[in-house]
């Protein structure tokens, strides 16, 4: 009877939790765009990387090749006579410098003295963590340049003043037409090309670093430069344009998962995360927003292959210089490749729909060469769980998870804001966590339980008085036990089971350890939700009680046990 009573009680409690108006509905699916979900999950692992160079840069003094210039002048006169250009002086000179810009080395020769400057140059790219202890993936061309490319970089970044002086000298030699803006721009172009062709670089030193926020969370003005080391490097496009970096002294870093080449195919949407130079190299935005990755998306257009046999994916997802090295994701949030580059127009702009991605199989190949195993960090696991709760408006449930992330990784760039947003949402009454309706469920459930207990007790007493059957001579079962028949060969009816059958003697409630609390305060749950229901005898399935059931049932069983004792002490004629 007692076993039947317990089973019925469990059903009643289950019915309480299904009362209209207070039901704990199944959480709805995340009602947000795929891109929003992906960006939130992957942004923490995407980092702005920097390569810096220092060197002694030398360029000779340009000496005009008078014979070549005299021949160019004669061509100009012929062009005027044929009506190809206007006869005014400005038009003639404009035509002359335009021809010089097409082939500067023909009209200027290296001369003395050699001009030497101590120069710095560098570039910004994108990298992303693949292990919690600091291994990072980026593009090979982001960590080092060939000598010819490095010369071009220094010519562009380190020779600005020299280029400007050489251009000014040429324009001044032309006389009064120096105010012509087109001539000035073309003259500058002449010496950008000529000085780059004649540059000499000595004593080159390079360094790699990334920007990481200081403790407290948030990518802001507290960001610091963290040195990183080159572990492995492939060959620059059209080769396997990938590099592996390592930041020492790191742990619990946010990571992104690696997928498979087969995860995507033509027509699927791809997502690119990174730091476009159109943002990082401008003064329009502050540093906080510059250090927030940009997220773009577009279709997988085609599979390509270089003459060297290296596979590439062409996608219409927009990318720009600075995006190089960034991860490219499938809709499921797995990395399916690394952004290497795109086609550049003659004016320096990116060609729409011409981004090229090195497949993730090449990334894995390079990681395997160094025996590096990509892995999800505990930080990322907790963070993703918190995000899913946050996007379901379960702010009270998400808050302790976000705090766990902050404890695991104090430098996490986004968790502090999510903690603030969650707290504000709770204060504003927007929380839809299950715990926020639990007190009302238990209040209504308690009323029904009291009515049920009173009715059951009345039926028990009434049945006992009618039966007048002598009390059992067997000793009463321990507190909380649910007597039943033992299977054959397992001992006498009512005899306690051997210690260790369920980890404790038969009838003693099995004490389950409480979940370990994180090192931060959690919203206190109702005390009655923490009670542990006793083990079911002999291992038969135990119906799972609803929240709040355990303490109440245990108290009820205690009262019934006392009632049985009282009945056992009465004379037989009073029962």
Protein backbone atom coordinates (compact mmCIF):
# COMPACT_ATOMS: atom_id res chain seq x y z
CA UNK A 1 0.00 0.00 0.00
CA UNK A 2 2.77 2.37 0.91
CA UNK A 3 4.50 1.74 -2.40
CA UNK A 4 1.23 2.40 -4.21
CA UNK A 5 0.74 5.53 -2.13
CA UNK A 6 4.21 6.82 -3.11
CA UNK A 7 3.57 6.18 -6.80
CA UNK A 8 0.24 8.02 -6.64
CA UNK A 9 1.88 10.91 -4.84
CA UNK A 10 4.43 11.19 -7.66
CA UNK A 11 1.64 11.33 -10.22
CA UNK A 12 -0.15 14.04 -8.27
CA UNK A 13 2.98 16.15 -8.10
CA UNK A 14 3.49 15.70 -11.83
CA UNK A 15 -0.05 16.96 -12.27
CA UNK A 16 0.70 20.00 -10.15
CA UNK A 17 3.53 20.99 -12.50
CA UNK A 18 1.16 20.80 -15.46
CA UNK A 19 -1.44 23.15 -14.03
CA UNK A 20 -2.78 25.65 -16.63
CA UNK A 21 -1.16 29.05 -16.35
CA UNK A 22 1.95 27.93 -14.45
CA UNK A 23 3.36 25.21 -16.71
CA UNK A 24 7.10 25.19 -17.35
CA UNK A 25 6.99 25.18 -21.14
CA UNK A 26 9.68 23.54 -23.21
CA UNK A 27 12.27 26.22 -24.11
CA UNK A 28 11.66 27.60 -27.57
CA UNK A 29 14.31 27.40 -30.25
CA UNK A 30 16.63 30.34 -30.58
CA UNK A 31 14.73 32.93 -32.58
CA UNK A 32 17.76 34.83 -33.90
CA UNK A 33 19.54 34.89 -37.28
CA UNK A 34 22.31 32.37 -37.88
CA UNK A 35 24.81 35.17 -38.35
CA UNK A 36 23.97 36.70 -34.98
CA UNK A 37 24.35 33.35 -33.24
CA UNK A 38 27.65 32.61 -35.01
CA UNK A 39 29.15 36.03 -34.39
CA UNK A 40 28.37 35.89 -30.67
CA UNK A 41 29.92 32.43 -30.29
CA UNK A 42 33.04 32.95 -32.41
CA UNK A 43 34.08 36.57 -31.88
CA UNK A 44 35.96 35.92 -28.59
CA UNK A 45 38.47 33.62 -30.33
CA UNK A 46 39.19 36.00 -33.23
CA UNK A 47 42.18 38.26 -32.63
CA UNK A 48 43.85 41.22 -34.34
CA UNK A 49 47.46 40.29 -35.18
CA UNK A 50 50.35 42.53 -36.09
CA UNK A 51 53.70 42.02 -37.79
CA UNK A 52 56.28 44.79 -37.35
CA UNK A 53 59.59 45.36 -39.08
CA UNK A 54 62.52 47.62 -38.31
CA UNK A 55 65.37 48.17 -40.74
CA UNK A 56 67.88 50.59 -42.19
CA UNK A 57 66.37 51.71 -45.49
CA UNK A 58 68.57 53.25 -48.18
CA UNK A 59 67.64 54.77 -51.54
CA UNK A 60 69.91 56.57 -54.00
CA UNK A 61 69.30 60.10 -55.19
CA UNK A 62 67.39 60.12 -58.51
CA UNK A 63 69.34 61.67 -61.36
CA UNK A 64 67.43 62.78 -64.45
CA UNK A 65 68.28 61.03 -67.71
CA UNK A 66 68.40 64.13 -69.87
CA UNK A 67 68.58 62.30 -73.19
CA UNK A 68 65.47 60.27 -72.39
CA UNK A 69 63.63 63.36 -71.19
CA UNK A 70 64.63 65.28 -74.37
CA UNK A 71 63.21 62.49 -76.50
CA UNK A 72 59.99 62.55 -74.41
CA UNK A 73 59.70 66.30 -74.97
CA UNK A 74 59.92 65.86 -78.73
CA UNK A 75 57.13 63.27 -78.53
CA UNK A 76 55.06 65.85 -76.67
CA UNK A 77 55.57 68.45 -79.38
CA UNK A 78 54.48 65.92 -81.99
CA UNK A 79 51.40 65.12 -79.95
CA UNK A 80 50.49 68.82 -79.84
CA UNK A 81 50.96 69.20 -83.58
CA UNK A 82 48.76 66.17 -84.26
CA UNK A 83 46.08 67.53 -81.94
CA UNK A 84 46.32 64.70 -79.42
CA UNK A 85 46.95 67.13 -76.58
CA UNK A 86 46.29 70.83 -76.07
CA UNK A 87 49.00 73.34 -76.84
CA UNK A 88 48.95 75.06 -73.44
CA UNK A 89 51.94 74.53 -71.19
CA UNK A 90 50.06 72.77 -68.40
CA UNK A 91 48.64 70.15 -70.76
CA UNK A 92 52.07 69.48 -72.22
CA UNK A 93 53.73 69.02 -68.81
CA UNK A 94 50.83 66.94 -67.59
CA UNK A 95 51.31 64.62 -70.56
CA UNK A 96 55.09 64.45 -69.94
CA UNK A 97 54.82 63.36 -66.26
CA UNK A 98 52.12 60.84 -67.17
CA UNK A 99 54.56 59.20 -69.59
CA UNK A 100 57.31 59.25 -66.93
CA UNK A 101 55.02 57.48 -64.46
CA UNK A 102 54.58 54.61 -66.91
CA UNK A 103 58.32 53.85 -66.85
CA UNK A 104 60.19 55.85 -64.16
CA UNK A 105 63.42 53.86 -64.52
CA UNK A 106 63.84 55.07 -68.08
CA UNK A 107 63.92 58.73 -67.09
CA UNK A 108 65.82 58.61 -63.77
CA UNK A 109 69.00 56.81 -62.76
CA UNK A 110 70.50 56.05 -59.30
CA UNK A 111 72.95 58.67 -58.12
CA UNK A 112 74.76 59.90 -55.03
CA UNK A 113 74.42 60.49 -52.19
CA UNK A 114 72.60 57.48 -50.80
CA UNK A 115 69.84 58.48 -48.43
CA UNK A 116 69.47 56.26 -45.35
CA UNK A 117 66.66 56.26 -42.77
CA UNK A 118 65.85 54.05 -39.79
CA UNK A 119 62.38 52.87 -40.66
CA UNK A 120 59.55 50.80 -39.33
CA UNK A 121 56.80 49.09 -41.25
CA UNK A 122 54.19 46.45 -40.62
CA UNK A 123 50.77 45.10 -41.25
CA UNK A 124 47.62 43.99 -39.48
CA UNK A 125 45.85 40.68 -40.04
CA UNK A 126 43.47 38.30 -38.32
CA UNK A 127 44.19 35.16 -36.29
CA UNK A 128 42.11 32.75 -34.20
CA UNK A 129 42.71 30.43 -31.25
CA UNK A 130 42.50 26.68 -31.85
CA UNK A 131 43.71 25.49 -28.42
CA UNK A 132 43.06 26.82 -24.90
CA UNK A 133 46.80 27.20 -24.25
CA UNK A 134 47.54 29.66 -27.03
CA UNK A 135 48.02 28.06 -30.44
CA UNK A 136 46.69 30.31 -33.19
CA UNK A 137 46.07 30.03 -36.92
CA UNK A 138 46.59 32.83 -39.44
CA UNK A 139 47.83 33.24 -43.03
CA UNK A 140 51.47 32.77 -43.99
CA UNK A 141 51.68 36.15 -45.68
CA UNK A 142 50.59 37.75 -42.38
CA UNK A 143 53.73 36.67 -40.51
CA UNK A 144 56.48 37.43 -43.00
CA UNK A 145 57.10 38.80 -46.47
CA UNK A 146 59.51 37.96 -49.23
CA UNK A 147 62.30 40.48 -49.78
CA UNK A 148 60.64 42.05 -52.81
CA UNK A 149 57.32 42.38 -50.98
CA UNK A 150 59.03 43.79 -47.90
CA UNK A 151 60.77 46.37 -50.06
CA UNK A 152 57.39 47.43 -51.41
CA UNK A 153 56.02 47.68 -47.87
CA UNK A 154 58.89 49.89 -46.71
CA UNK A 155 58.67 51.99 -49.87
CA UNK A 156 55.00 52.63 -49.13
CA UNK A 157 55.25 53.16 -45.37
CA UNK A 158 58.79 54.31 -44.62
CA UNK A 159 59.74 56.48 -47.59
CA UNK A 160 56.85 58.90 -47.52
CA UNK A 161 58.97 61.97 -46.78
CA UNK A 162 61.64 61.04 -49.31
CA UNK A 163 59.00 60.42 -51.97
CA UNK A 164 57.35 63.74 -51.25
CA UNK A 165 60.66 65.62 -51.48
CA UNK A 166 61.61 64.00 -54.79
CA UNK A 167 58.16 64.79 -56.23
CA UNK A 168 58.37 68.39 -55.03
CA UNK A 169 61.78 68.80 -56.67
CA UNK A 170 60.41 67.56 -60.00
CA UNK A 171 57.34 69.80 -59.88
CA UNK A 172 59.39 72.88 -58.95
CA UNK A 173 61.61 72.29 -61.97
CA UNK A 174 58.53 72.67 -64.16
CA UNK A 175 58.01 76.30 -63.14
CA UNK A 176 54.65 77.97 -62.57
CA UNK A 177 52.49 74.91 -63.23
CA UNK A 178 53.32 73.49 -59.76
CA UNK A 179 49.81 74.32 -58.58
CA UNK A 180 48.30 71.72 -60.94
CA UNK A 181 47.03 68.98 -58.57
CA UNK A 182 47.07 66.27 -61.20
CA UNK A 183 50.73 66.91 -61.98
CA UNK A 184 51.60 66.81 -58.25
CA UNK A 185 49.82 63.46 -57.76
CA UNK A 186 51.46 61.95 -60.84
CA UNK A 187 54.92 63.15 -59.75
CA UNK A 188 54.42 61.49 -56.36
CA UNK A 189 53.51 58.24 -58.13
CA UNK A 190 56.71 58.43 -60.21
CA UNK A 191 58.94 58.40 -57.12
CA UNK A 192 56.91 55.89 -55.17
CA UNK A 193 57.65 53.48 -58.00
CA UNK A 194 61.25 54.56 -58.59
CA UNK A 195 62.32 54.54 -54.94
CA UNK A 196 60.65 51.15 -54.39
CA UNK A 197 62.58 49.75 -57.38
CA UNK A 198 65.89 51.07 -56.04
CA UNK A 199 65.45 50.54 -52.30
CA UNK A 200 68.01 48.64 -50.24
CA UNK A 201 67.06 47.18 -46.85
CA UNK A 202 69.62 46.27 -44.20
CA UNK A 203 69.52 44.93 -40.62
CA UNK A 204 65.91 43.75 -40.82
CA UNK A 205 64.24 42.65 -37.60
CA UNK A 206 60.65 41.49 -37.25
CA UNK A 207 58.23 40.80 -34.42
CA UNK A 208 54.75 39.30 -34.14
CA UNK A 209 52.12 40.32 -31.64
CA UNK A 210 48.40 40.48 -31.01
CA UNK A 211 46.15 42.84 -29.10
CA UNK A 212 44.57 41.41 -25.96
CA UNK A 213 42.51 43.11 -23.28
CA UNK A 214 43.72 43.46 -19.71
CA UNK A 215 41.89 41.85 -16.75
CA UNK A 216 38.37 43.07 -16.29
CA UNK A 217 36.98 42.03 -19.65
CA UNK A 218 36.01 44.23 -22.56
CA UNK A 219 38.04 45.08 -25.61
CA UNK A 220 38.79 48.70 -24.81
CA UNK A 221 41.61 51.15 -24.22
CA UNK A 222 43.19 48.74 -21.72
CA UNK A 223 44.19 46.42 -24.58
CA UNK A 224 47.84 45.44 -24.51
CA UNK A 225 50.30 43.99 -26.99
CA UNK A 226 51.04 40.30 -26.43
CA UNK A 227 54.07 38.79 -28.19
CA UNK A 228 53.52 35.64 -30.23
CA UNK A 229 55.97 33.21 -31.79
CA UNK A 230 56.00 31.60 -35.21
CA UNK A 231 55.67 27.82 -34.96
CA UNK A 232 55.12 26.79 -38.58
CA UNK A 233 54.66 28.56 -41.89
CA UNK A 234 53.46 27.41 -45.30
CA UNK A 235 54.10 29.08 -48.62
CA UNK A 236 52.39 32.29 -49.58
CA UNK A 237 49.51 32.15 -52.09
CA UNK A 238 49.23 30.45 -54.54
CA UNK A 239 50.71 27.90 -52.13
CA UNK A 240 49.39 26.67 -48.79
CA UNK A 241 49.12 30.11 -47.24
CA UNK A 242 48.86 29.20 -43.55
CA UNK A 243 50.90 29.84 -40.41
CA UNK A 244 50.71 28.54 -36.84
CA UNK A 245 51.53 30.91 -33.98
CA UNK A 246 51.92 30.43 -30.21
CA UNK A 247 51.29 32.87 -27.37
CA UNK A 248 53.03 31.62 -24.22
CA UNK A 249 51.61 31.72 -20.72
CA UNK A 250 47.98 31.39 -21.84
CA UNK A 251 45.20 29.16 -20.55
CA UNK A 252 41.43 28.81 -20.84
CA UNK A 253 41.42 30.86 -24.03
CA UNK A 254 38.23 30.93 -26.10
CA UNK A 255 38.49 28.67 -29.14
CA UNK A 256 36.62 27.86 -32.34
CA UNK A 257 36.00 24.31 -33.62
CA UNK A 258 37.38 22.89 -36.85
CA UNK A 259 34.98 21.31 -39.31
CA UNK A 260 35.47 19.30 -42.49
CA UNK A 261 35.83 20.30 -46.13
CA UNK A 262 32.66 18.30 -46.80
CA UNK A 263 30.64 20.46 -44.39
CA UNK A 264 29.97 22.96 -47.18
CA UNK A 265 29.35 22.90 -50.90
CA UNK A 266 28.53 25.32 -53.70
CA UNK A 267 25.48 27.39 -52.80
CA UNK A 268 25.92 27.20 -49.03
CA UNK A 269 26.31 30.41 -47.06
CA UNK A 270 29.78 31.08 -45.65
CA UNK A 271 30.64 33.49 -42.84
CA UNK A 272 33.91 35.43 -42.53
CA UNK A 273 35.18 37.00 -39.29
CA UNK A 274 38.12 39.39 -39.11
CA UNK A 275 39.54 42.89 -38.98
CA UNK A 276 39.26 44.77 -42.30
CA UNK A 277 41.86 47.45 -42.84
CA UNK A 278 39.07 49.78 -43.93
CA UNK A 279 38.29 50.04 -40.21
CA UNK A 280 41.58 49.45 -38.40
CA UNK A 281 43.48 51.94 -40.56
CA UNK A 282 41.06 54.82 -40.26
CA UNK A 283 40.73 57.58 -37.68
CA UNK A 284 36.94 57.65 -38.02
CA UNK A 285 36.37 55.01 -35.31
CA UNK A 286 37.65 54.69 -31.75
CA UNK A 287 39.88 51.83 -30.62
CA UNK A 288 37.04 49.99 -28.87
CA UNK A 289 35.14 49.54 -32.11
CA UNK A 290 38.27 48.92 -34.17
CA UNK A 291 39.05 45.86 -32.06
CA UNK A 292 35.63 44.31 -32.62
CA UNK A 293 35.73 41.81 -35.52
CA UNK A 294 33.58 42.42 -38.57
CA UNK A 295 31.27 39.60 -39.69
CA UNK A 296 30.25 39.15 -43.32
CA UNK A 297 28.44 36.43 -45.20
CA UNK A 298 27.92 35.27 -48.76
CA UNK A 299 27.47 32.17 -50.91
CA UNK A 300 30.04 29.54 -51.70
CA UNK A 301 30.56 30.32 -55.40
CA UNK A 302 32.99 27.71 -56.68
CA UNK A 303 35.88 25.37 -55.94
CA UNK A 304 39.20 26.47 -57.47
CA UNK A 305 42.72 25.10 -57.70
CA UNK A 306 46.02 26.90 -58.17
CA UNK A 307 48.64 25.81 -60.74
CA UNK A 308 50.47 24.22 -57.80
CA UNK A 309 47.44 22.03 -57.15
CA UNK A 310 46.35 23.79 -53.94
CA UNK A 311 42.56 23.88 -53.48
CA UNK A 312 40.76 27.13 -52.76
CA UNK A 313 37.13 28.12 -52.22
CA UNK A 314 35.74 31.18 -53.97
CA UNK A 315 33.05 32.98 -52.01
CA UNK A 316 31.00 36.10 -52.42
CA UNK A 317 31.30 36.94 -48.71
CA UNK A 318 32.98 40.36 -48.65
CA UNK A 319 36.56 40.63 -47.39
CA UNK A 320 39.23 43.30 -47.38
CA UNK A 321 42.95 43.66 -46.63
CA UNK A 322 43.27 42.92 -42.94
CA UNK A 323 40.77 40.05 -43.09
CA UNK A 324 43.63 37.81 -44.18
CA UNK A 325 44.10 34.86 -41.84
CA UNK A 326 40.56 35.06 -40.47
CA UNK A 327 38.33 32.02 -39.95
CA UNK A 328 35.52 31.15 -42.36
CA UNK A 329 32.55 29.31 -40.85
CA UNK A 330 29.72 27.07 -41.93
CA UNK A 331 26.21 27.73 -40.63
CA UNK A 332 26.89 25.20 -37.86
CA UNK A 333 29.72 27.30 -36.44
CA UNK A 334 32.62 25.11 -37.56
CA UNK A 335 35.67 26.53 -39.30
CA UNK A 336 35.73 25.29 -42.88
CA UNK A 337 38.68 27.38 -44.05
CA UNK A 338 40.95 30.37 -43.65
CA UNK A 339 40.52 33.63 -45.56
CA UNK A 340 43.65 34.20 -47.63
CA UNK A 341 42.78 37.09 -49.91
CA UNK A 342 40.77 38.52 -52.73
CA UNK A 343 41.28 40.13 -56.08
CA UNK A 344 42.39 43.75 -55.86
CA UNK A 345 41.42 46.36 -58.41
CA UNK A 346 43.99 48.71 -59.88
CA UNK A 347 42.85 51.48 -57.57
CA UNK A 348 43.48 49.25 -54.56
CA UNK A 349 39.86 48.37 -53.88
CA UNK A 350 38.60 44.83 -53.36
CA UNK A 351 36.66 43.11 -56.09
CA UNK A 352 33.16 42.16 -54.92
CA UNK A 353 32.57 38.42 -54.79
CA UNK A 354 36.22 37.47 -55.18
CA UNK A 355 37.30 36.23 -51.73
CA UNK A 356 39.43 33.10 -51.61
CA UNK A 357 39.50 30.58 -48.76
CA UNK A 358 42.06 27.87 -48.03
CA UNK A 359 40.10 24.74 -46.97
CA UNK A 360 40.25 23.52 -43.37
CA UNK A 361 41.90 20.25 -44.44
CA UNK A 362 45.07 22.25 -45.16
CA UNK A 363 44.81 23.84 -41.70
CA UNK A 364 44.57 20.40 -40.09
CA UNK A 365 47.49 19.18 -42.18
CA UNK A 366 49.73 21.95 -40.84
CA UNK A 367 48.55 21.41 -37.25
CA UNK A 368 49.26 17.70 -37.52
CA UNK A 369 52.80 18.40 -38.73
CA UNK A 370 53.46 19.98 -35.33
CA UNK A 371 51.33 17.47 -33.39
CA UNK A 372 48.92 20.21 -32.33
CA UNK A 373 45.41 19.04 -31.49
CA UNK A 374 42.63 21.58 -31.70
CA UNK A 375 40.34 21.49 -28.66
CA UNK A 376 37.34 23.27 -27.21
CA UNK A 377 38.19 25.13 -24.01
CA UNK A 378 36.08 24.95 -20.86
CA UNK A 379 35.67 28.71 -21.28
CA UNK A 380 34.08 28.30 -24.69
CA UNK A 381 31.82 25.46 -23.53
CA UNK A 382 30.46 27.52 -20.63
CA UNK A 383 30.22 30.65 -22.77
CA UNK A 384 28.23 28.94 -25.53
CA UNK A 385 25.84 27.43 -22.98
CA UNK A 386 25.37 30.88 -21.45
CA UNK A 387 24.74 32.46 -24.84
CA UNK A 388 22.01 29.97 -25.69
CA UNK A 389 20.29 30.73 -22.38
CA UNK A 390 20.74 34.47 -22.93
CA UNK A 391 19.18 34.36 -26.39
CA UNK A 392 16.22 32.43 -24.95
CA UNK A 393 15.73 35.29 -22.44
CA UNK A 394 16.68 32.94 -19.58
CA UNK A 395 18.81 35.64 -17.98
CA UNK A 396 18.85 34.25 -14.43
CA UNK A 397 20.06 30.91 -15.77
CA UNK A 398 22.63 32.55 -18.06
CA UNK A 399 24.10 34.87 -15.40
CA UNK A 400 25.97 32.24 -13.34
CA UNK A 401 27.33 30.71 -16.55
CA UNK A 402 28.67 34.08 -17.69
CA UNK A 403 30.26 34.55 -14.26
CA UNK A 404 31.87 31.15 -14.60
CA UNK A 405 33.37 32.29 -17.90
CA UNK A 406 34.69 35.45 -16.26
CA UNK A 407 36.31 33.39 -13.50
CA UNK A 408 37.90 31.05 -16.04
CA UNK A 409 39.14 33.81 -18.35
CA UNK A 410 39.31 37.29 -16.76
CA UNK A 411 40.56 38.70 -20.09
CA UNK A 412 37.47 37.52 -21.96
CA UNK A 413 36.54 40.45 -24.23
CA UNK A 414 32.74 40.14 -24.18
CA UNK A 415 31.52 38.39 -21.04
CA UNK A 416 31.46 41.51 -18.86
CA UNK A 417 28.92 43.14 -21.15
CA UNK A 418 26.72 40.04 -21.19
CA UNK A 419 26.75 40.00 -17.39
CA UNK A 420 25.62 43.62 -17.33
CA UNK A 421 22.98 43.02 -20.00
CA UNK A 422 21.64 39.98 -18.11
CA UNK A 423 21.38 41.91 -14.85
CA UNK A 424 19.59 44.78 -16.54
CA UNK A 425 17.16 42.40 -18.25
CA UNK A 426 16.36 40.72 -14.92
CA UNK A 427 15.77 44.10 -13.28
CA UNK A 428 13.51 45.12 -16.17
CA UNK A 429 11.36 42.01 -15.67
CA UNK A 430 12.36 40.38 -18.97
CA UNK A 431 13.65 37.17 -17.43
CA UNK A 432 11.95 34.00 -18.70
CA UNK A 433 14.08 31.51 -16.78
CA UNK A 434 12.34 28.45 -15.38
CA UNK A 435 13.47 29.38 -11.85
CA UNK A 436 11.48 32.62 -12.03
CA UNK A 437 8.13 30.73 -12.03
CA UNK A 438 9.15 27.88 -9.73
CA UNK A 439 7.93 29.53 -6.46
CA UNK A 440 4.45 29.95 -7.97
CA UNK A 441 4.44 26.33 -9.13
CA UNK A 442 5.40 25.10 -5.67
CA UNK A 443 2.82 27.34 -3.98
CA UNK A 444 -0.01 25.88 -6.09
CA UNK A 445 1.40 22.38 -5.80
CA UNK A 446 1.59 22.65 -2.03
CA UNK A 447 -2.14 23.38 -1.75
CA UNK A 448 -3.08 20.32 -3.77
CA UNK A 449 -0.61 18.16 -1.87
CA UNK A 450 -2.11 19.12 1.52
CA UNK A 451 -5.60 18.19 0.32
CA UNK A 452 -4.32 14.89 -1.03
CA UNK A 453 -2.47 14.05 2.21
CA UNK A 454 -5.49 14.75 4.39
CA UNK A 455 -7.71 12.59 2.20
CA UNK A 456 -5.19 9.76 2.12
CA UNK A 457 -4.65 9.81 5.89
CA UNK A 458 -8.43 9.59 6.43
CA UNK A 459 -8.68 6.61 4.10
CA UNK A 460 -5.77 4.86 5.83
CA UNK A 461 -7.23 5.30 9.32
CA UNK A 462 -10.67 4.22 8.17
CA UNK A 463 -9.27 1.10 6.49
CA UNK A 464 -7.21 0.18 9.56
CA UNK A 465 -10.20 0.39 11.90
CA UNK A 466 -12.28 -1.80 9.59
CA UNK A 467 -9.68 -4.51 8.98
CA UNK A 468 -8.79 -5.27 12.62
CA UNK A 469 -5.91 -7.37 11.40
CA UNK A 470 -3.13 -7.89 14.00
CA UNK A 471 -0.07 -5.78 13.47
CA UNK A 472 2.86 -7.36 11.69
CA UNK A 473 5.41 -8.97 13.96
CA UNK A 474 8.21 -7.83 11.73
CA UNK A 475 10.16 -4.76 12.86
CA UNK A 476 9.17 -1.50 11.18
CA UNK A 477 11.21 -0.52 8.13
CA UNK A 478 13.75 2.25 8.56
CA UNK A 479 12.78 5.87 7.89
CA UNK A 480 11.90 6.48 4.30
CA UNK A 481 11.84 2.83 3.29
CA UNK A 482 9.29 1.37 0.91
CA UNK A 483 8.73 -2.31 1.93
CA UNK A 484 8.25 -4.92 -0.73
CA UNK A 485 8.85 -8.60 -1.48
CA UNK A 486 12.39 -9.77 -2.02
CA UNK A 487 13.08 -11.94 -5.04
CA UNK A 488 13.67 -15.63 -4.25
CA UNK A 489 17.03 -16.35 -2.67
CA UNK A 490 17.67 -12.79 -1.52
CA UNK A 491 16.75 -13.12 2.12
CA UNK A 492 13.80 -12.96 4.47
CA UNK A 493 10.92 -10.56 3.85
CA UNK A 494 11.56 -7.29 5.61
CA UNK A 495 15.21 -8.03 6.34
CA UNK A 496 17.51 -5.09 5.48
CA UNK A 497 19.47 -5.52 2.27
CA UNK A 498 23.23 -5.85 2.54
CA UNK A 499 25.21 -2.66 2.83
CA UNK A 500 26.57 -1.66 -0.55
CA UNK A 501 23.72 -3.00 -2.64
CA UNK A 502 22.85 0.58 -3.56
CA UNK A 503 25.83 2.18 -1.92
CA UNK A 504 23.97 2.43 1.45
CA UNK A 505 21.87 0.09 3.67
CA UNK A 506 18.39 -0.62 2.41
CA UNK A 507 15.97 2.12 3.30
CA UNK A 508 18.58 4.80 4.04
CA UNK A 509 18.28 7.80 1.71
CA UNK A 510 21.11 7.88 -0.79
CA UNK A 511 22.91 11.19 -0.29
CA UNK A 512 23.73 12.61 -3.67
CA UNK A 513 26.48 15.23 -3.67
CA UNK A 514 25.26 18.72 -4.41
CA UNK A 515 26.54 20.24 -7.63
CA UNK A 516 29.74 22.12 -6.92
CA UNK A 517 29.12 25.84 -6.64
CA UNK A 518 31.13 28.16 -8.85
CA UNK A 519 33.32 30.71 -7.06
CA UNK A 520 30.67 33.41 -7.24
CA UNK A 521 27.22 33.88 -5.70
CA UNK A 522 24.29 32.11 -7.27
CA UNK A 523 20.61 32.93 -6.83
CA UNK A 524 19.50 30.84 -3.88
CA UNK A 525 17.11 28.05 -4.90
CA UNK A 526 14.18 27.10 -2.65
CA UNK A 527 15.47 24.80 0.09
CA UNK A 528 12.93 22.10 -0.68
CA UNK A 529 14.37 21.65 -4.18
CA UNK A 530 17.65 20.34 -2.78
CA UNK A 531 16.32 17.28 -0.92
CA UNK A 532 17.33 13.89 -2.26
CA UNK A 533 14.66 11.26 -2.70
CA UNK A 534 15.42 7.86 -1.06
CA UNK A 535 16.61 5.00 -3.21
CA UNK A 536 13.95 2.66 -4.54
CA UNK A 537 14.38 -0.88 -3.05
CA UNK A 538 15.99 -3.61 -5.17
CA UNK A 539 16.82 -1.19 -7.93
CA UNK A 540 13.41 -0.91 -9.62
CA UNK A 541 12.84 2.34 -11.55
CA UNK A 542 12.07 5.28 -9.30
CA UNK A 543 9.61 7.83 -10.66
CA UNK A 544 11.26 11.20 -10.84
CA UNK A 545 9.59 13.67 -8.49
CA UNK A 546 8.74 17.19 -9.46
CA UNK A 547 10.54 20.20 -7.90
CA UNK A 548 9.73 20.52 -4.23
CA UNK A 549 8.40 16.97 -3.90
CA UNK A 550 11.22 15.35 -1.98
CA UNK A 551 11.06 17.24 1.31
CA UNK A 552 7.29 17.09 1.47
CA UNK A 553 7.17 13.35 0.75
CA UNK A 554 9.88 12.65 3.31
CA UNK A 555 7.94 14.62 5.94
CA UNK A 556 4.75 12.80 5.06
CA UNK A 557 6.43 9.40 5.36
CA UNK A 558 7.76 10.36 8.77
CA UNK A 559 4.24 11.20 9.93
CA UNK A 560 2.93 7.90 8.60
CA UNK A 561 5.75 6.01 10.27
CA UNK A 562 4.87 7.60 13.59
CA UNK A 563 1.22 6.69 12.98
CA UNK A 564 2.19 3.04 12.43
CA UNK A 565 4.18 3.02 15.65
CA UNK A 566 1.24 4.46 17.57
CA UNK A 567 -1.10 1.87 16.09
CA UNK A 568 1.31 -0.93 16.97
CA UNK A 569 1.31 0.15 20.64
CA UNK A 570 -2.50 -0.02 21.01
CA UNK A 571 -4.28 -3.10 22.40
CA UNK A 572 -5.73 -5.30 19.61
CA UNK A 573 -9.32 -4.36 20.41
CA UNK A 574 -8.61 -0.65 19.74
CA UNK A 575 -7.28 -1.11 16.25
